[in-house]
Amino acid sequence: MAELRYNPLLKDWTMVASNRQGRPQMPKDDCPFCPGSGKVPEDYDVYQYDNDFPALSQHPPQPDDVATGLYQTAEAYGKCEVILYSPDHHASLSQLPVSHLRKLIDLWAARFAVLAQDPAHQYVLIFENRGPEVGVTMPHPHGQIYAYPYVPQKIRVELEACRDHHAATGSCLICDINREEMSFQQRMLLETESFVSYIPFFTDYPYGAFISSKSHTSNLLQFTSAERDDLAKMLKRVTAGMDALFDREFPYMMVLHQSPVNQDVTNATAPTGQFPDAHKFYHFHIEFYPPLRSKDRVKYLASSESGAWAPCNPLAVEDTAPQLRAAILKRGEEFDRDGW
């Protein structure tokens, strides 16, 4: 079964995907994403692969006959893709050359453009889950893309906040956040020509880094070639610093936040096209949600966080940002010496 069920308490859709129960725990000596498996090309740099266990699909089954006047269902229409970062089973963003990461960014942008062409898609989410601490069952380096037929609630709240701020001040909220962090400096991690990285004042994760474009850009397709190169360098430096922080593979959830698509088109799950002018007030950025609070201690989401959405950061950002910044700068010095 795969369908959408509407939650009237939260005004959001839940994806029901019991078909994903069959996902394998990958054997250590058998990887479908490695060359030689028969599932991927024998020679590739980066590669898009349709998810074998999608929560959303282009030919979804009819929902179960359980809808009522109160409870709504909808077809789980959309697309779920896997983005393979490298044929090297043991590679990662932090280990791949900047030139290789540029190919990944180009593939992200190409898939964003293709998925945005389907008028039923309302939001294209590019993300990565890394490490067993966040439930990864396939350790080959990869990320994913979900094309939703609605704008998910967290993104919707961000969009509404940015729209309200723009209406009240005439300014982009994330541009203002960038300026605030660059002015304060203590929470800054790294600045390049086109991007800034910091752990924002309000994050609920001790090492919850942001990467944000300096220019007011709402999605990957608007970046120049030089900006894409710079984003590749920023991704490598930040993730390499994370790995260096505790001298271990650093688990995280990474999400690219971009403007929604097809907001002038209506469909069953998004009947109003809520953000037709999002490019004016929404700003590209990447958010990391790393579960570690120390080398071997995980920050769990307990009752307050899950039941009330009342986040609690167990550490002060003004203490954690200098630690991560030092690790990023140290690894950057090594890259300058040994090559990128």
Protein backbone atom coordinates (compact mmCIF):
# COMPACT_ATOMS: atom_id res chain seq x y z
CA MET A 1 0.00 0.00 0.00
CA ALA A 2 1.16 3.51 -0.83
CA GLU A 3 -1.10 6.52 -0.36
CA LEU A 4 -1.37 9.95 1.22
CA ARG A 5 -3.48 10.55 4.30
CA TYR A 6 -4.37 14.07 5.39
CA ASN A 7 -3.78 15.05 9.01
CA PRO A 8 -6.45 17.67 9.84
CA LEU A 9 -4.73 18.51 13.15
CA LEU A 10 -1.53 19.61 11.45
CA LYS A 11 -2.88 20.52 7.99
CA ASP A 12 -0.32 18.24 6.39
CA TRP A 13 -0.13 14.99 4.48
CA THR A 14 1.33 11.73 5.77
CA MET A 15 2.88 9.35 3.27
CA VAL A 16 1.82 5.77 3.98
CA ALA A 17 4.30 3.39 2.35
CA SER A 18 4.00 -0.13 3.69
CA ASN A 19 5.82 -1.30 0.54
CA ARG A 20 9.03 0.06 2.09
CA GLN A 21 9.01 -2.65 4.76
CA GLY A 22 10.74 -4.86 2.24
CA ARG A 23 13.85 -2.68 2.05
CA PRO A 24 16.93 -4.84 2.57
CA GLN A 25 19.64 -4.48 5.16
CA MET A 26 22.50 -4.59 2.70
CA PRO A 27 24.92 -7.50 3.08
CA LYS A 28 28.47 -6.35 3.71
CA ASP A 29 29.78 -8.15 0.63
CA ASP A 30 26.99 -7.24 -1.82
CA CYS A 31 26.10 -3.69 -2.90
CA PRO A 32 23.63 -2.97 -5.73
CA PHE A 33 25.18 0.48 -6.23
CA CYS A 34 28.70 -0.78 -6.91
CA PRO A 35 29.83 -1.48 -10.48
CA GLY A 36 29.48 -5.17 -11.24
CA SER A 37 26.12 -5.51 -9.51
CA GLY A 38 24.17 -5.43 -12.76
CA LYS A 39 21.95 -2.63 -11.41
CA VAL A 40 24.19 0.34 -12.23
CA PRO A 41 26.54 1.14 -15.12
CA GLU A 42 29.97 -0.43 -15.07
CA ASP A 43 31.49 3.04 -15.31
CA TYR A 44 29.92 6.16 -13.81
CA ASP A 45 30.87 9.27 -11.87
CA VAL A 46 27.49 10.25 -10.43
CA TYR A 47 24.26 8.52 -11.32
CA GLN A 48 20.49 8.88 -10.89
CA TYR A 49 18.68 5.66 -9.93
CA ASP A 50 14.93 5.26 -9.47
CA ASN A 51 14.20 4.18 -5.90
CA ASP A 52 13.27 0.50 -5.70
CA PHE A 53 11.00 1.13 -2.70
CA PRO A 54 9.37 4.51 -3.41
CA ALA A 55 6.99 6.26 -1.05
CA LEU A 56 5.79 8.30 -4.05
CA SER A 57 5.47 7.05 -7.63
CA GLN A 58 4.31 8.17 -11.05
CA HIS A 59 1.81 5.31 -11.24
CA PRO A 60 0.47 5.07 -7.69
CA PRO A 61 -2.20 2.58 -6.68
CA GLN A 62 -5.65 3.72 -5.70
CA PRO A 63 -5.84 4.59 -1.99
CA ASP A 64 -7.55 2.14 0.34
CA ASP A 65 -11.28 2.69 0.73
CA VAL A 66 -11.00 4.26 4.18
CA ALA A 67 -11.72 7.95 3.49
CA THR A 68 -14.62 9.66 5.27
CA GLY A 69 -16.02 13.13 5.50
CA LEU A 70 -13.32 13.95 8.04
CA TYR A 71 -10.43 11.83 6.78
CA GLN A 72 -9.06 12.46 3.29
CA THR A 73 -6.84 10.24 1.19
CA ALA A 74 -5.03 10.89 -2.06
CA GLU A 75 -2.85 9.00 -4.48
CA ALA A 76 0.83 8.97 -3.49
CA TYR A 77 1.84 10.61 -6.76
CA GLY A 78 5.38 11.89 -7.12
CA LYS A 79 8.88 10.59 -7.67
CA CYS A 80 11.58 9.11 -5.42
CA GLU A 81 15.10 8.96 -6.80
CA VAL A 82 18.47 7.83 -5.49
CA ILE A 83 21.52 9.91 -6.40
CA LEU A 84 24.74 7.90 -6.33
CA TYR A 85 27.71 10.08 -5.43
CA SER A 86 30.46 7.77 -6.62
CA PRO A 87 31.20 4.19 -7.70
CA ASP A 88 33.59 4.01 -4.73
CA HIS A 89 31.68 2.22 -1.97
CA HIS A 90 33.68 3.97 0.76
CA ALA A 91 33.64 7.55 -0.57
CA SER A 92 31.73 10.48 0.93
CA LEU A 93 31.16 14.17 0.30
CA SER A 94 34.13 14.91 2.54
CA GLN A 95 36.46 12.61 0.59
CA LEU A 96 35.49 13.27 -3.03
CA PRO A 97 37.43 15.86 -5.04
CA VAL A 98 35.81 19.25 -5.55
CA SER A 99 35.69 18.58 -9.31
CA HIS A 100 33.66 15.43 -8.61
CA LEU A 101 31.30 17.27 -6.25
CA ARG A 102 30.68 19.79 -9.03
CA LYS A 103 29.36 16.89 -11.14
CA LEU A 104 27.05 15.97 -8.27
CA ILE A 105 25.71 19.52 -8.05
CA ASP A 106 25.12 19.54 -11.80
CA LEU A 107 23.16 16.27 -11.49
CA TRP A 108 21.12 17.70 -8.60
CA ALA A 109 20.28 20.73 -10.74
CA ALA A 110 19.43 18.62 -13.78
CA ARG A 111 17.07 16.40 -11.79
CA PHE A 112 15.48 19.44 -10.13
CA ALA A 113 14.77 20.87 -13.59
CA VAL A 114 13.29 17.61 -14.88
CA LEU A 115 11.11 16.97 -11.83
CA ALA A 116 9.87 20.57 -11.83
CA GLN A 117 8.43 20.02 -15.31
CA ASP A 118 5.71 17.72 -13.96
CA PRO A 119 2.85 20.11 -13.07
CA ALA A 120 1.65 17.76 -10.32
CA HIS A 121 4.92 18.20 -8.40
CA GLN A 122 4.86 21.02 -5.87
CA TYR A 123 8.17 20.57 -4.06
CA VAL A 124 11.48 18.90 -4.98
CA LEU A 125 13.51 17.93 -1.91
CA ILE A 126 17.16 16.93 -2.32
CA PHE A 127 18.63 15.29 0.77
CA GLU A 128 21.12 12.85 2.24
CA ASN A 129 20.95 10.56 5.26
CA ARG A 130 24.39 9.52 6.48
CA GLY A 131 25.27 6.99 9.13
CA PRO A 132 23.52 4.22 11.06
CA GLU A 133 22.51 6.74 13.73
CA VAL A 134 19.92 8.13 11.29
CA GLY A 135 18.77 4.72 10.05
CA VAL A 136 20.86 4.29 6.89
CA THR A 137 20.66 0.72 5.57
CA MET A 138 22.66 1.28 2.36
CA PRO A 139 26.10 2.68 3.23
CA HIS A 140 27.19 3.24 -0.38
CA PRO A 141 27.55 7.05 -0.74
CA HIS A 142 24.25 8.38 -1.98
CA GLY A 143 21.51 10.91 -1.43
CA GLN A 144 17.89 11.04 -2.48
CA ILE A 145 15.35 13.28 -4.17
CA TYR A 146 11.62 13.31 -3.39
CA ALA A 147 9.21 15.18 -5.64
CA TYR A 148 6.07 15.81 -3.58
CA PRO A 149 2.57 16.70 -4.87
CA TYR A 150 2.31 19.22 -2.00
CA VAL A 151 4.59 21.56 -0.06
CA PRO A 152 5.62 19.73 3.15
CA GLN A 153 4.78 21.45 6.38
CA LYS A 154 8.26 22.47 7.57
CA ILE A 155 9.05 24.02 4.20
CA ARG A 156 5.62 25.66 4.19
CA VAL A 157 6.26 27.25 7.59
CA GLU A 158 9.64 28.56 6.39
CA LEU A 159 8.05 29.96 3.26
CA GLU A 160 5.31 31.67 5.26
CA ALA A 161 7.86 33.16 7.66
CA CYS A 162 9.97 34.44 4.78
CA ARG A 163 6.92 35.84 3.00
CA ASP A 164 5.73 37.62 6.15
CA HIS A 165 9.20 39.06 6.82
CA HIS A 166 9.47 40.30 3.25
CA ALA A 167 6.03 41.91 3.42
CA ALA A 168 6.89 43.65 6.70
CA THR A 169 10.45 44.77 5.92
CA GLY A 170 10.95 44.51 2.17
CA SER A 171 13.93 42.30 2.91
CA CYS A 172 14.70 38.59 2.54
CA LEU A 173 14.69 36.85 5.92
CA ILE A 174 17.59 34.52 5.08
CA CYS A 175 19.63 37.39 3.64
CA ASP A 176 19.08 39.11 7.00
CA ILE A 177 20.06 35.94 8.91
CA ASN A 178 23.24 35.72 6.83
CA ARG A 179 24.10 39.33 7.66
CA GLU A 180 23.37 38.81 11.36
CA GLU A 181 25.64 35.77 11.58
CA MET A 182 28.41 37.40 9.55
CA SER A 183 28.25 40.45 11.81
CA PHE A 184 28.31 38.43 15.06
CA GLN A 185 31.03 36.08 13.76
CA GLN A 186 31.13 33.74 16.78
CA ARG A 187 28.73 31.26 15.17
CA MET A 188 30.39 31.46 11.74
CA LEU A 189 32.08 28.36 10.34
CA LEU A 190 33.36 29.40 6.92
CA GLU A 191 32.97 32.06 4.27
CA THR A 192 33.81 31.72 0.59
CA GLU A 193 33.25 34.04 -2.33
CA SER A 194 29.65 32.95 -2.88
CA PHE A 195 28.54 31.13 0.29
CA VAL A 196 28.55 31.37 4.05
CA SER A 197 28.31 28.58 6.60
CA TYR A 198 27.37 28.98 10.24
CA ILE A 199 25.51 27.29 13.06
CA PRO A 200 22.55 29.64 13.40
CA PHE A 201 21.47 31.30 16.63
CA PHE A 202 18.28 29.23 16.79
CA THR A 203 19.35 25.72 15.75
CA ASP A 204 18.11 22.76 17.81
CA TYR A 205 21.15 20.58 16.96
CA PRO A 206 24.52 21.23 18.64
CA TYR A 207 26.32 21.09 15.28
CA GLY A 208 23.38 22.00 13.04
CA ALA A 209 25.27 23.86 10.32
CA PHE A 210 23.71 25.94 7.56
CA ILE A 211 25.25 26.66 4.16
CA SER A 212 23.62 29.67 2.51
CA SER A 213 24.20 31.51 -0.74
CA LYS A 214 25.33 35.11 -0.43
CA SER A 215 23.33 36.14 -3.46
CA HIS A 216 19.56 36.09 -3.21
CA THR A 217 19.06 32.88 -5.12
CA SER A 218 16.07 30.60 -4.66
CA ASN A 219 17.20 27.35 -6.30
CA LEU A 220 20.16 25.54 -7.87
CA LEU A 221 19.20 26.46 -11.40
CA GLN A 222 19.94 30.13 -10.72
CA PHE A 223 23.59 29.59 -9.75
CA THR A 224 26.36 30.57 -12.13
CA SER A 225 29.05 28.05 -13.01
CA ALA A 226 31.42 29.79 -10.58
CA GLU A 227 28.82 29.58 -7.80
CA ARG A 228 28.36 25.86 -8.41
CA ASP A 229 32.14 25.39 -8.13
CA ASP A 230 32.12 27.36 -4.90
CA LEU A 231 29.24 25.31 -3.49
CA ALA A 232 31.21 22.12 -4.23
CA LYS A 233 34.17 23.49 -2.30
CA MET A 234 31.95 24.57 0.59
CA LEU A 235 30.28 21.14 0.83
CA LYS A 236 33.64 19.38 0.92
CA ARG A 237 35.12 21.70 3.54
CA VAL A 238 32.14 21.65 5.89
CA THR A 239 31.59 17.88 5.76
CA ALA A 240 35.33 17.20 6.06
CA GLY A 241 35.39 19.40 9.16
CA MET A 242 32.50 17.42 10.60
CA ASP A 243 34.44 14.18 10.11
CA ALA A 244 37.52 15.76 11.69
CA LEU A 245 35.63 17.12 14.69
CA PHE A 246 35.41 13.80 16.54
CA ASP A 247 37.82 11.89 14.30
CA ARG A 248 35.05 9.63 13.01
CA GLU A 249 32.50 9.42 10.20
CA PHE A 250 30.03 12.12 11.17
CA PRO A 251 26.35 11.14 10.83
CA TYR A 252 23.90 13.73 9.59
CA MET A 253 20.74 14.49 7.72
CA MET A 254 21.37 17.11 5.03
CA VAL A 255 18.53 18.89 3.22
CA LEU A 256 18.62 21.43 0.39
CA HIS A 257 15.95 24.07 0.95
CA GLN A 258 14.80 25.60 -2.33
CA SER A 259 11.75 27.40 -3.68
CA PRO A 260 8.69 25.25 -4.49
CA VAL A 261 7.70 24.50 -8.06
CA ASN A 262 4.49 24.79 -10.07
CA GLN A 263 2.84 27.18 -7.65
CA ASP A 264 0.56 28.49 -10.38
CA VAL A 265 -0.84 24.97 -10.92
CA THR A 266 -3.49 23.38 -8.73
CA ASN A 267 -4.05 19.73 -7.89
CA ALA A 268 -5.88 17.63 -5.35
CA THR A 269 -3.28 17.85 -2.59
CA ALA A 270 -2.33 21.51 -3.06
CA PRO A 271 -5.50 23.24 -4.27
CA THR A 272 -4.29 26.81 -4.02
CA GLY A 273 -0.69 27.12 -5.32
CA GLN A 274 0.25 29.04 -2.17
CA PHE A 275 3.61 30.54 -3.13
CA PRO A 276 3.59 31.73 -6.77
CA ASP A 277 6.12 34.49 -6.01
CA ALA A 278 8.44 32.50 -3.71
CA HIS A 279 11.51 33.49 -5.73
CA LYS A 280 11.10 37.02 -4.36
CA PHE A 281 11.34 36.09 -0.69
CA TYR A 282 12.75 32.55 -0.38
CA HIS A 283 16.47 31.91 -0.39
CA PHE A 284 18.53 28.78 -1.16
CA HIS A 285 20.23 27.19 1.81
CA ILE A 286 21.33 23.78 3.06
CA GLU A 287 20.50 22.60 6.56
CA PHE A 288 22.34 19.84 8.43
CA TYR A 289 20.72 17.93 11.28
CA PRO A 290 23.56 15.97 12.92
CA PRO A 291 22.41 13.76 15.80
CA LEU A 292 25.72 13.75 17.71
CA ARG A 293 26.18 15.87 20.82
CA SER A 294 29.67 14.42 21.40
CA LYS A 295 31.81 11.70 19.84
CA ASP A 296 29.70 8.83 21.16
CA ARG A 297 26.56 10.49 22.50
CA VAL A 298 23.43 10.99 20.42
CA LYS A 299 20.91 13.80 20.84
CA TYR A 300 17.59 11.97 20.81
CA LEU A 301 14.27 13.62 20.03
CA ALA A 302 12.28 13.00 23.20
CA SER A 303 8.71 13.84 24.22
CA SER A 304 8.99 17.61 24.15
CA GLU A 305 10.62 17.67 20.73
CA SER A 306 8.31 15.08 19.19
CA GLY A 307 5.07 15.74 21.04
CA ALA A 308 5.14 19.53 21.22
CA TRP A 309 7.69 20.40 18.52
CA ALA A 310 9.49 22.31 21.26
CA PRO A 311 13.15 21.82 20.31
CA CYS A 312 15.86 21.81 22.94
CA ASN A 313 19.54 22.17 22.11
CA PRO A 314 21.64 20.60 24.91
CA LEU A 315 24.68 22.75 24.04
CA ALA A 316 25.20 26.46 23.39
CA VAL A 317 25.86 27.24 19.75
CA GLU A 318 28.44 29.82 20.78
CA ASP A 319 30.45 26.90 22.24
CA THR A 320 29.95 24.33 19.48
CA ALA A 321 30.52 26.60 16.48
CA PRO A 322 34.15 27.43 17.41
CA GLN A 323 34.87 23.71 17.80
CA LEU A 324 33.50 22.87 14.36
CA ARG A 325 35.09 25.97 12.81
CA ALA A 326 38.51 24.92 14.10
CA ALA A 327 38.06 21.44 12.62
CA ILE A 328 36.99 22.90 9.26
CA LEU A 329 39.95 25.27 9.15
CA LYS A 330 42.39 22.51 10.09
CA ARG A 331 41.15 20.24 7.32
CA GLY A 332 41.18 23.20 4.91
CA GLU A 333 44.86 23.72 5.64
CA GLU A 334 45.47 20.04 4.88
CA PHE A 335 43.57 20.32 1.59
CA ASP A 336 45.58 23.41 0.65
CA ARG A 337 48.76 21.44 1.27
CA ASP A 338 47.77 18.09 -0.25
CA GLY A 339 45.31 19.19 -2.93
CA TRP A 340 41.55 19.27 -3.31
